[in-house]
Amino acid sequence: MAAPLVGNWTKTTAAPDYPDTVHFHPDGRYDTTHAAADRHPRWDVGRYEVPGPGRVRVSTSNDAIIEYKFAVSGDAVTFTAPDGTEFRYRKQG
């Protein structure tokens, strides 16, 4: 079920609390990179799961597990945080 998110993604919108790149591995792990070393990102490394269509649970940098909505369209994905913040990524390669 994680298949739509598996791969390398690069952020295309301004959302400073989220990483510049994220790699979702097929085994449910993810890791990230950040250009700004002085920011503490919400996502760093951890686990994720897709419990159903359009939903992903991500273990965050403070070990909380937060559920986000997501929608994939072509090579782009839009995430929506619980507070309504939207941020987008484009799939690489």
PDB file of N, CA and C in Angstrom:
ATOM      1  N   MET A   1       0.816  -1.204   0.000  1.00  0.00           N
ATOM      2  CA  MET A   1       0.000   0.000   0.000  1.00  0.00           C
ATOM      3  C   MET A   1       0.856   1.263   0.000  1.00  0.00           C
ATOM      4  N   ALA A   2       2.128   1.184   0.364  1.00  0.00           N
ATOM      5  CA  ALA A   2       3.008   2.354   0.389  1.00  0.00           C
ATOM      6  C   ALA A   2       3.477   2.738  -1.009  1.00  0.00           C
ATOM      7  N   ALA A   3       3.177   1.927  -2.010  1.00  0.00           N
ATOM      8  CA  ALA A   3       3.714   2.095  -3.357  1.00  0.00           C
ATOM      9  C   ALA A   3       3.608   3.508  -3.927  1.00  0.00           C
ATOM     10  N   PRO A   4       2.513   4.259  -3.747  1.00  0.00           N
ATOM     11  CA  PRO A   4       2.460   5.586  -4.366  1.00  0.00           C
ATOM     12  C   PRO A   4       3.524   6.554  -3.831  1.00  0.00           C
ATOM     13  N   LEU A   5       4.013   6.323  -2.635  1.00  0.00           N
ATOM     14  CA  LEU A   5       4.987   7.238  -2.033  1.00  0.00           C
ATOM     15  C   LEU A   5       6.432   6.770  -2.161  1.00  0.00           C
ATOM     16  N   VAL A   6       6.655   5.519  -2.486  1.00  0.00           N
ATOM     17  CA  VAL A   6       8.017   4.982  -2.534  1.00  0.00           C
ATOM     18  C   VAL A   6       8.843   5.739  -3.568  1.00  0.00           C
ATOM     19  N   GLY A   7      10.035   6.173  -3.141  1.00  0.00           N
ATOM     20  CA  GLY A   7      10.955   6.861  -4.042  1.00  0.00           C
ATOM     21  C   GLY A   7      11.512   8.127  -3.411  1.00  0.00           C
ATOM     22  N   ASN A   8      12.225   8.886  -4.244  1.00  0.00           N
ATOM     23  CA  ASN A   8      12.852  10.141  -3.825  1.00  0.00           C
ATOM     24  C   ASN A   8      11.992  11.311  -4.270  1.00  0.00           C
ATOM     25  N   TRP A   9      11.765  12.242  -3.342  1.00  0.00           N
ATOM     26  CA  TRP A   9      10.907  13.387  -3.597  1.00  0.00           C
ATOM     27  C   TRP A   9      11.636  14.677  -3.201  1.00  0.00           C
ATOM     28  N   THR A  10      11.439  15.743  -4.000  1.00  0.00           N
ATOM     29  CA  THR A  10      12.029  17.052  -3.719  1.00  0.00           C
ATOM     30  C   THR A  10      10.908  18.066  -3.523  1.00  0.00           C
ATOM     31  N   LYS A  11      11.002  18.853  -2.456  1.00  0.00           N
ATOM     32  CA  LYS A  11       9.958  19.826  -2.118  1.00  0.00           C
ATOM     33  C   LYS A  11       9.887  20.922  -3.178  1.00  0.00           C
ATOM     34  N   THR A  12       8.672  21.303  -3.551  1.00  0.00           N
ATOM     35  CA  THR A  12       8.464  22.338  -4.557  1.00  0.00           C
ATOM     36  C   THR A  12       7.730  23.557  -4.020  1.00  0.00           C
ATOM     37  N   THR A  13       7.362  23.539  -2.750  1.00  0.00           N
ATOM     38  CA  THR A  13       6.682  24.680  -2.143  1.00  0.00           C
ATOM     39  C   THR A  13       7.441  25.111  -0.886  1.00  0.00           C
ATOM     40  N   ALA A  14       7.195  26.337  -0.476  1.00  0.00           N
ATOM     41  CA  ALA A  14       7.822  26.838   0.745  1.00  0.00           C
ATOM     42  C   ALA A  14       7.067  26.285   1.946  1.00  0.00           C
ATOM     43  N   ALA A  15       7.722  25.431   2.687  1.00  0.00           N
ATOM     44  CA  ALA A  15       7.168  24.867   3.918  1.00  0.00           C
ATOM     45  C   ALA A  15       8.368  24.568   4.811  1.00  0.00           C
ATOM     46  N   PRO A  16       8.871  25.572   5.541  1.00  0.00           N
ATOM     47  CA  PRO A  16      10.142  25.424   6.250  1.00  0.00           C
ATOM     48  C   PRO A  16      10.179  24.337   7.318  1.00  0.00           C
ATOM     49  N   ASP A  17       9.043  23.891   7.794  1.00  0.00           N
ATOM     50  CA  ASP A  17       9.040  22.847   8.827  1.00  0.00           C
ATOM     51  C   ASP A  17       9.195  21.444   8.253  1.00  0.00           C
ATOM     52  N   TYR A  18       9.221  21.337   6.937  1.00  0.00           N
ATOM     53  CA  TYR A  18       9.306  20.029   6.288  1.00  0.00           C
ATOM     54  C   TYR A  18      10.585  19.952   5.465  1.00  0.00           C
ATOM     55  N   PRO A  19      11.128  18.745   5.257  1.00  0.00           N
ATOM     56  CA  PRO A  19      12.443  18.594   4.633  1.00  0.00           C
ATOM     57  C   PRO A  19      12.458  18.996   3.160  1.00  0.00           C
ATOM     58  N   ASP A  20      13.658  19.315   2.680  1.00  0.00           N
ATOM     59  CA  ASP A  20      13.840  19.650   1.264  1.00  0.00           C
ATOM     60  C   ASP A  20      13.684  18.426   0.379  1.00  0.00           C
ATOM     61  N   THR A  21      14.162  17.281   0.862  1.00  0.00           N
ATOM     62  CA  THR A  21      13.961  16.024   0.132  1.00  0.00           C
ATOM     63  C   THR A  21      13.543  14.951   1.126  1.00  0.00           C
ATOM     64  N   VAL A  22      12.801  13.998   0.620  1.00  0.00           N
ATOM     65  CA  VAL A  22      12.410  12.849   1.433  1.00  0.00           C
ATOM     66  C   VAL A  22      12.490  11.598   0.560  1.00  0.00           C
ATOM     67  N   HIS A  23      13.016  10.531   1.143  1.00  0.00           N
ATOM     68  CA  HIS A  23      13.081   9.237   0.459  1.00  0.00           C
ATOM     69  C   HIS A  23      12.231   8.262   1.254  1.00  0.00           C
ATOM     70  N   PHE A  24      11.134   7.821   0.639  1.00  0.00           N
ATOM     71  CA  PHE A  24      10.277   6.804   1.239  1.00  0.00           C
ATOM     72  C   PHE A  24      10.743   5.447   0.713  1.00  0.00           C
ATOM     73  N   HIS A  25      11.216   4.584   1.603  1.00  0.00           N
ATOM     74  CA  HIS A  25      11.691   3.251   1.243  1.00  0.00           C
ATOM     75  C   HIS A  25      10.508   2.280   1.205  1.00  0.00           C
ATOM     76  N   PRO A  26      10.591   1.227   0.394  1.00  0.00           N
ATOM     77  CA  PRO A  26       9.490   0.261   0.300  1.00  0.00           C
ATOM     78  C   PRO A  26       9.193  -0.466   1.612  1.00  0.00           C
ATOM     79  N   ASP A  27      10.181  -0.549   2.520  1.00  0.00           N
ATOM     80  CA  ASP A  27       9.986  -1.288   3.775  1.00  0.00           C
ATOM     81  C   ASP A  27       9.378  -0.455   4.898  1.00  0.00           C
ATOM     82  N   GLY A  28       8.913   0.767   4.585  1.00  0.00           N
ATOM     83  CA  GLY A  28       8.262   1.587   5.600  1.00  0.00           C
ATOM     84  C   GLY A  28       9.185   2.552   6.333  1.00  0.00           C
ATOM     85  N   ARG A  29      10.442   2.657   5.905  1.00  0.00           N
ATOM     86  CA  ARG A  29      11.352   3.650   6.490  1.00  0.00           C
ATOM     87  C   ARG A  29      11.384   4.876   5.590  1.00  0.00           C
ATOM     88  N   TYR A  30      11.749   6.018   6.177  1.00  0.00           N
ATOM     89  CA  TYR A  30      11.994   7.196   5.374  1.00  0.00           C
ATOM     90  C   TYR A  30      13.193   7.937   5.942  1.00  0.00           C
ATOM     91  N   ASP A  31      13.865   8.718   5.087  1.00  0.00           N
ATOM     92  CA  ASP A  31      14.934   9.611   5.532  1.00  0.00           C
ATOM     93  C   ASP A  31      14.856  10.885   4.699  1.00  0.00           C
ATOM     94  N   THR A  32      15.498  11.940   5.197  1.00  0.00           N
ATOM     95  CA  THR A  32      15.343  13.259   4.597  1.00  0.00           C
ATOM     96  C   THR A  32      16.669  14.009   4.529  1.00  0.00           C
ATOM     97  N   THR A  33      16.659  15.113   3.782  1.00  0.00           N
ATOM     98  CA  THR A  33      17.766  16.068   3.791  1.00  0.00           C
ATOM     99  C   THR A  33      17.179  17.465   3.944  1.00  0.00           C
ATOM    100  N   HIS A  34      17.989  18.354   4.515  1.00  0.00           N
ATOM    101  CA  HIS A  34      17.557  19.722   4.782  1.00  0.00           C
ATOM    102  C   HIS A  34      18.671  20.672   4.396  1.00  0.00           C
ATOM    103  N   ALA A  35      18.325  21.750   3.700  1.00  0.00           N
ATOM    104  CA  ALA A  35      19.322  22.753   3.315  1.00  0.00           C
ATOM    105  C   ALA A  35      19.654  23.657   4.490  1.00  0.00           C
ATOM    106  N   ALA A  36      18.678  23.969   5.301  1.00  0.00           N
ATOM    107  CA  ALA A  36      18.877  24.910   6.411  1.00  0.00           C
ATOM    108  C   ALA A  36      19.202  24.142   7.692  1.00  0.00           C
ATOM    109  N   ALA A  37      20.452  24.136   8.075  1.00  0.00           N
ATOM    110  CA  ALA A  37      20.899  23.367   9.241  1.00  0.00           C
ATOM    111  C   ALA A  37      20.362  23.925  10.561  1.00  0.00           C
ATOM    112  N   ASP A  38      19.917  25.173  10.561  1.00  0.00           N
ATOM    113  CA  ASP A  38      19.469  25.769  11.821  1.00  0.00           C
ATOM    114  C   ASP A  38      17.988  25.505  12.122  1.00  0.00           C
ATOM    115  N   ARG A  39      17.288  24.826  11.261  1.00  0.00           N
ATOM    116  CA  ARG A  39      15.881  24.516  11.508  1.00  0.00           C
ATOM    117  C   ARG A  39      15.742  23.093  12.019  1.00  0.00           C
ATOM    118  N   HIS A  40      14.825  22.901  12.924  1.00  0.00           N
ATOM    119  CA  HIS A  40      14.525  21.545  13.394  1.00  0.00           C
ATOM    120  C   HIS A  40      13.302  21.061  12.624  1.00  0.00           C
ATOM    121  N   PRO A  41      13.488  20.118  11.705  1.00  0.00           N
ATOM    122  CA  PRO A  41      12.379  19.683  10.853  1.00  0.00           C
ATOM    123  C   PRO A  41      11.396  18.778  11.592  1.00  0.00           C
ATOM    124  N   ARG A  42      10.172  18.768  11.108  1.00  0.00           N
ATOM    125  CA  ARG A  42       9.182  17.843  11.671  1.00  0.00           C
ATOM    126  C   ARG A  42       9.486  16.410  11.262  1.00  0.00           C
ATOM    127  N   TRP A  43       9.999  16.223  10.046  1.00  0.00           N
ATOM    128  CA  TRP A  43      10.381  14.891   9.570  1.00  0.00           C
ATOM    129  C   TRP A  43      11.893  14.853   9.488  1.00  0.00           C
ATOM    130  N   ASP A  44      12.521  13.804  10.013  1.00  0.00           N
ATOM    131  CA  ASP A  44      13.972  13.641   9.871  1.00  0.00           C
ATOM    132  C   ASP A  44      14.272  12.233   9.350  1.00  0.00           C
ATOM    133  N   VAL A  45      14.173  11.237  10.180  1.00  0.00           N
ATOM    134  CA  VAL A  45      14.267   9.832   9.777  1.00  0.00           C
ATOM    135  C   VAL A  45      13.261   9.065  10.620  1.00  0.00           C
ATOM    136  N   GLY A  46      12.763   7.993  10.094  1.00  0.00           N
ATOM    137  CA  GLY A  46      11.819   7.214  10.888  1.00  0.00           C
ATOM    138  C   GLY A  46      11.029   6.260  10.039  1.00  0.00           C
ATOM    139  N   ARG A  47       9.792   6.029  10.453  1.00  0.00           N
ATOM    140  CA  ARG A  47       8.916   5.055   9.807  1.00  0.00           C
ATOM    141  C   ARG A  47       7.669   5.769   9.305  1.00  0.00           C
ATOM    142  N   TYR A  48       7.059   5.147   8.320  1.00  0.00           N
ATOM    143  CA  TYR A  48       5.786   5.646   7.806  1.00  0.00           C
ATOM    144  C   TYR A  48       4.927   4.452   7.424  1.00  0.00           C
ATOM    145  N   GLU A  49       3.635   4.678   7.357  1.00  0.00           N
ATOM    146  CA  GLU A  49       2.720   3.654   6.867  1.00  0.00           C
ATOM    147  C   GLU A  49       1.546   4.334   6.180  1.00  0.00           C
ATOM    148  N   VAL A  50       1.004   3.651   5.203  1.00  0.00           N
ATOM    149  CA  VAL A  50      -0.169   4.135   4.481  1.00  0.00           C
ATOM    150  C   VAL A  50      -1.339   3.251   4.914  1.00  0.00           C
ATOM    151  N   PRO A  51      -2.157   3.723   5.881  1.00  0.00           N
ATOM    152  CA  PRO A  51      -3.230   2.880   6.417  1.00  0.00           C
ATOM    153  C   PRO A  51      -4.453   2.783   5.505  1.00  0.00           C
ATOM    154  N   GLY A  52      -4.521   3.675   4.533  1.00  0.00           N
ATOM    155  CA  GLY A  52      -5.649   3.662   3.610  1.00  0.00           C
ATOM    156  C   GLY A  52      -5.424   4.678   2.520  1.00  0.00           C
ATOM    157  N   PRO A  53      -6.281   4.700   1.520  1.00  0.00           N
ATOM    158  CA  PRO A  53      -6.117   5.630   0.407  1.00  0.00           C
ATOM    159  C   PRO A  53      -6.047   7.090   0.883  1.00  0.00           C
ATOM    160  N   GLY A  54      -5.006   7.779   0.429  1.00  0.00           N
ATOM    161  CA  GLY A  54      -4.887   9.204   0.718  1.00  0.00           C
ATOM    162  C   GLY A  54      -4.489   9.564   2.135  1.00  0.00           C
ATOM    163  N   ARG A  55      -4.003   8.594   2.902  1.00  0.00           N
ATOM    164  CA  ARG A  55      -3.572   8.860   4.285  1.00  0.00           C
ATOM    165  C   ARG A  55      -2.213   8.228   4.527  1.00  0.00           C
ATOM    166  N   VAL A  56      -1.347   8.938   5.233  1.00  0.00           N
ATOM    167  CA  VAL A  56      -0.042   8.404   5.610  1.00  0.00           C
ATOM    168  C   VAL A  56       0.245   8.812   7.050  1.00  0.00           C
ATOM    169  N   ARG A  57       0.768   7.879   7.815  1.00  0.00           N
ATOM    170  CA  ARG A  57       1.199   8.149   9.194  1.00  0.00           C
ATOM    171  C   ARG A  57       2.718   8.191   9.196  1.00  0.00           C
ATOM    172  N   VAL A  58       3.260   9.280   9.737  1.00  0.00           N
ATOM    173  CA  VAL A  58       4.705   9.507   9.729  1.00  0.00           C
ATOM    174  C   VAL A  58       5.189   9.675  11.157  1.00  0.00           C
ATOM    175  N   SER A  59       6.239   8.932  11.525  1.00  0.00           N
ATOM    176  CA  SER A  59       6.870   9.167  12.830  1.00  0.00           C
ATOM    177  C   SER A  59       7.733  10.412  12.680  1.00  0.00           C
ATOM    178  N   THR A  60       7.476  11.395  13.507  1.00  0.00           N
ATOM    179  CA  THR A  60       8.114  12.695  13.354  1.00  0.00           C
ATOM    180  C   THR A  60       9.382  12.791  14.192  1.00  0.00           C
ATOM    181  N   SER A  61      10.057  13.933  14.091  1.00  0.00           N
ATOM    182  CA  SER A  61      11.334  14.119  14.774  1.00  0.00           C
ATOM    183  C   SER A  61      11.210  14.076  16.295  1.00  0.00           C
ATOM    184  N   ASN A  62      10.015  14.296  16.835  1.00  0.00           N
ATOM    185  CA  ASN A  62       9.838  14.181  18.292  1.00  0.00           C
ATOM    186  C   ASN A  62       9.175  12.860  18.676  1.00  0.00           C
ATOM    187  N   ASP A  63       9.179  11.899  17.736  1.00  0.00           N
ATOM    188  CA  ASP A  63       8.663  10.542  17.913  1.00  0.00           C
ATOM    189  C   ASP A  63       7.141  10.444  17.972  1.00  0.00           C
ATOM    190  N   ALA A  64       6.451  11.547  17.737  1.00  0.00           N
ATOM    191  CA  ALA A  64       4.993  11.466  17.602  1.00  0.00           C
ATOM    192  C   ALA A  64       4.675  10.850  16.244  1.00  0.00           C
ATOM    193  N   ILE A  65       3.548  10.188  16.148  1.00  0.00           N
ATOM    194  CA  ILE A  65       3.092   9.655  14.867  1.00  0.00           C
ATOM    195  C   ILE A  65       1.913  10.517  14.438  1.00  0.00           C
ATOM    196  N   ILE A  66       2.106  11.215  13.313  1.00  0.00           N
ATOM    197  CA  ILE A  66       1.117  12.172  12.832  1.00  0.00           C
ATOM    198  C   ILE A  66       0.546  11.647  11.513  1.00  0.00           C
ATOM    199  N   GLU A  67      -0.768  11.749  11.372  1.00  0.00           N
ATOM    200  CA  GLU A  67      -1.398  11.328  10.130  1.00  0.00           C
ATOM    201  C   GLU A  67      -1.623  12.540   9.231  1.00  0.00           C
ATOM    202  N   TYR A  68      -1.195  12.400   7.987  1.00  0.00           N
ATOM    203  CA  TYR A  68      -1.342  13.431   6.965  1.00  0.00           C
ATOM    204  C   TYR A  68      -2.236  12.890   5.860  1.00  0.00           C
ATOM    205  N   LYS A  69      -2.937  13.788   5.186  1.00  0.00           N
ATOM    206  CA  LYS A  69      -3.620  13.421   3.948  1.00  0.00           C
ATOM    207  C   LYS A  69      -2.608  13.606   2.832  1.00  0.00           C
ATOM    208  N   PHE A  70      -2.725  12.817   1.773  1.00  0.00           N
ATOM    209  CA  PHE A  70      -1.887  13.046   0.601  1.00  0.00           C
ATOM    210  C   PHE A  70      -2.643  12.705  -0.659  1.00  0.00           C
ATOM    211  N   ALA A  71      -2.218  13.356  -1.750  1.00  0.00           N
ATOM    212  CA  ALA A  71      -2.790  13.088  -3.069  1.00  0.00           C
ATOM    213  C   ALA A  71      -1.657  13.095  -4.078  1.00  0.00           C
ATOM    214  N   VAL A  72      -1.545  12.017  -4.845  1.00  0.00           N
ATOM    215  CA  VAL A  72      -0.525  11.903  -5.888  1.00  0.00           C
ATOM    216  C   VAL A  72      -1.189  12.213  -7.221  1.00  0.00           C
ATOM    217  N   SER A  73      -0.526  13.067  -7.996  1.00  0.00           N
ATOM    218  CA  SER A  73      -0.987  13.394  -9.343  1.00  0.00           C
ATOM    219  C   SER A  73       0.225  13.402 -10.254  1.00  0.00           C
ATOM    220  N   GLY A  74       0.353  12.386 -11.088  1.00  0.00           N
ATOM    221  CA  GLY A  74       1.532  12.262 -11.947  1.00  0.00           C
ATOM    222  C   GLY A  74       2.778  12.084 -11.101  1.00  0.00           C
ATOM    223  N   ASP A  75       3.742  12.987 -11.270  1.00  0.00           N
ATOM    224  CA  ASP A  75       4.990  12.900 -10.495  1.00  0.00           C
ATOM    225  C   ASP A  75       5.009  13.861  -9.312  1.00  0.00           C
ATOM    226  N   ALA A  76       3.831  14.318  -8.885  1.00  0.00           N
ATOM    227  CA  ALA A  76       3.738  15.253  -7.763  1.00  0.00           C
ATOM    228  C   ALA A  76       2.865  14.663  -6.659  1.00  0.00           C
ATOM    229  N   VAL A  77       3.204  15.033  -5.431  1.00  0.00           N
ATOM    230  CA  VAL A  77       2.383  14.649  -4.287  1.00  0.00           C
ATOM    231  C   VAL A  77       2.144  15.886  -3.429  1.00  0.00           C
ATOM    232  N   THR A  78       0.926  16.041  -2.964  1.00  0.00           N
ATOM    233  CA  THR A  78       0.562  17.111  -2.047  1.00  0.00           C
ATOM    234  C   THR A  78       0.189  16.487  -0.717  1.00  0.00           C
ATOM    235  N   PHE A  79       0.836  16.942   0.351  1.00  0.00           N
ATOM    236  CA  PHE A  79       0.521  16.509   1.708  1.00  0.00           C
ATOM    237  C   PHE A  79      -0.282  17.609   2.389  1.00  0.00           C
ATOM    238  N   THR A  80      -1.207  17.224   3.245  1.00  0.00           N
ATOM    239  CA  THR A  80      -1.944  18.177   4.069  1.00  0.00           C
ATOM    240  C   THR A  80      -1.784  17.757   5.519  1.00  0.00           C
ATOM    241  N   ALA A  81      -1.182  18.650   6.311  1.00  0.00           N
ATOM    242  CA  ALA A  81      -0.961  18.399   7.736  1.00  0.00           C
ATOM    243  C   ALA A  81      -2.282  18.550   8.491  1.00  0.00           C
ATOM    244  N   PRO A  82      -2.353  18.031   9.712  1.00  0.00           N
ATOM    245  CA  PRO A  82      -3.578  18.159  10.510  1.00  0.00           C
ATOM    246  C   PRO A  82      -4.022  19.609  10.714  1.00  0.00           C
ATOM    247  N   ASP A  83      -3.064  20.551  10.712  1.00  0.00           N
ATOM    248  CA  ASP A  83      -3.428  21.964  10.890  1.00  0.00           C
ATOM    249  C   ASP A  83      -3.833  22.639   9.586  1.00  0.00           C
ATOM    250  N   GLY A  84      -3.892  21.882   8.483  1.00  0.00           N
ATOM    251  CA  GLY A  84      -4.310  22.421   7.195  1.00  0.00           C
ATOM    252  C   GLY A  84      -3.171  22.882   6.297  1.00  0.00           C
ATOM    253  N   THR A  85      -1.935  22.889   6.808  1.00  0.00           N
ATOM    254  CA  THR A  85      -0.787  23.278   5.997  1.00  0.00           C
ATOM    255  C   THR A  85      -0.616  22.300   4.843  1.00  0.00           C
ATOM    256  N   GLU A  86      -0.500  22.828   3.626  1.00  0.00           N
ATOM    257  CA  GLU A  86      -0.241  21.991   2.455  1.00  0.00           C
ATOM    258  C   GLU A  86       1.189  22.206   1.984  1.00  0.00           C
ATOM    259  N   PHE A  87       1.834  21.130   1.561  1.00  0.00           N
ATOM    260  CA  PHE A  87       3.168  21.222   0.996  1.00  0.00           C
ATOM    261  C   PHE A  87       3.303  20.143  -0.066  1.00  0.00           C
ATOM    262  N   ARG A  88       4.117  20.454  -1.092  1.00  0.00           N
ATOM    263  CA  ARG A  88       4.194  19.593  -2.266  1.00  0.00           C
ATOM    264  C   ARG A  88       5.621  19.135  -2.545  1.00  0.00           C
ATOM    265  N   TYR A  89       5.704  17.962  -3.165  1.00  0.00           N
ATOM    266  CA  TYR A  89       6.970  17.384  -3.592  1.00  0.00           C
ATOM    267  C   TYR A  89       6.824  16.857  -5.011  1.00  0.00           C
ATOM    268  N   ARG A  90       7.934  16.808  -5.733  1.00  0.00           N
ATOM    269  CA  ARG A  90       7.986  16.214  -7.070  1.00  0.00           C
ATOM    270  C   ARG A  90       8.907  14.996  -7.016  1.00  0.00           C
ATOM    271  N   LYS A  91       8.470  13.925  -7.643  1.00  0.00           N
ATOM    272  CA  LYS A  91       9.245  12.672  -7.640  1.00  0.00           C
ATOM    273  C   LYS A  91      10.473  12.824  -8.536  1.00  0.00           C
ATOM    274  N   GLN A  92      11.602  12.321  -8.052  1.00  0.00           N
ATOM    275  CA  GLN A  92      12.856  12.379  -8.796  1.00  0.00           C
ATOM    276  C   GLN A  92      13.180  11.008  -9.366  1.00  0.00           C
ATOM    277  N   GLY A  93      13.581  10.990 -10.633  1.00  0.00           N
ATOM    278  CA  GLY A  93      14.012   9.738 -11.268  1.00  0.00           C
ATOM    279  C   GLY A  93      12.968   8.735 -11.284  1.00  0.00           C
TER     280      GLY A  93
END
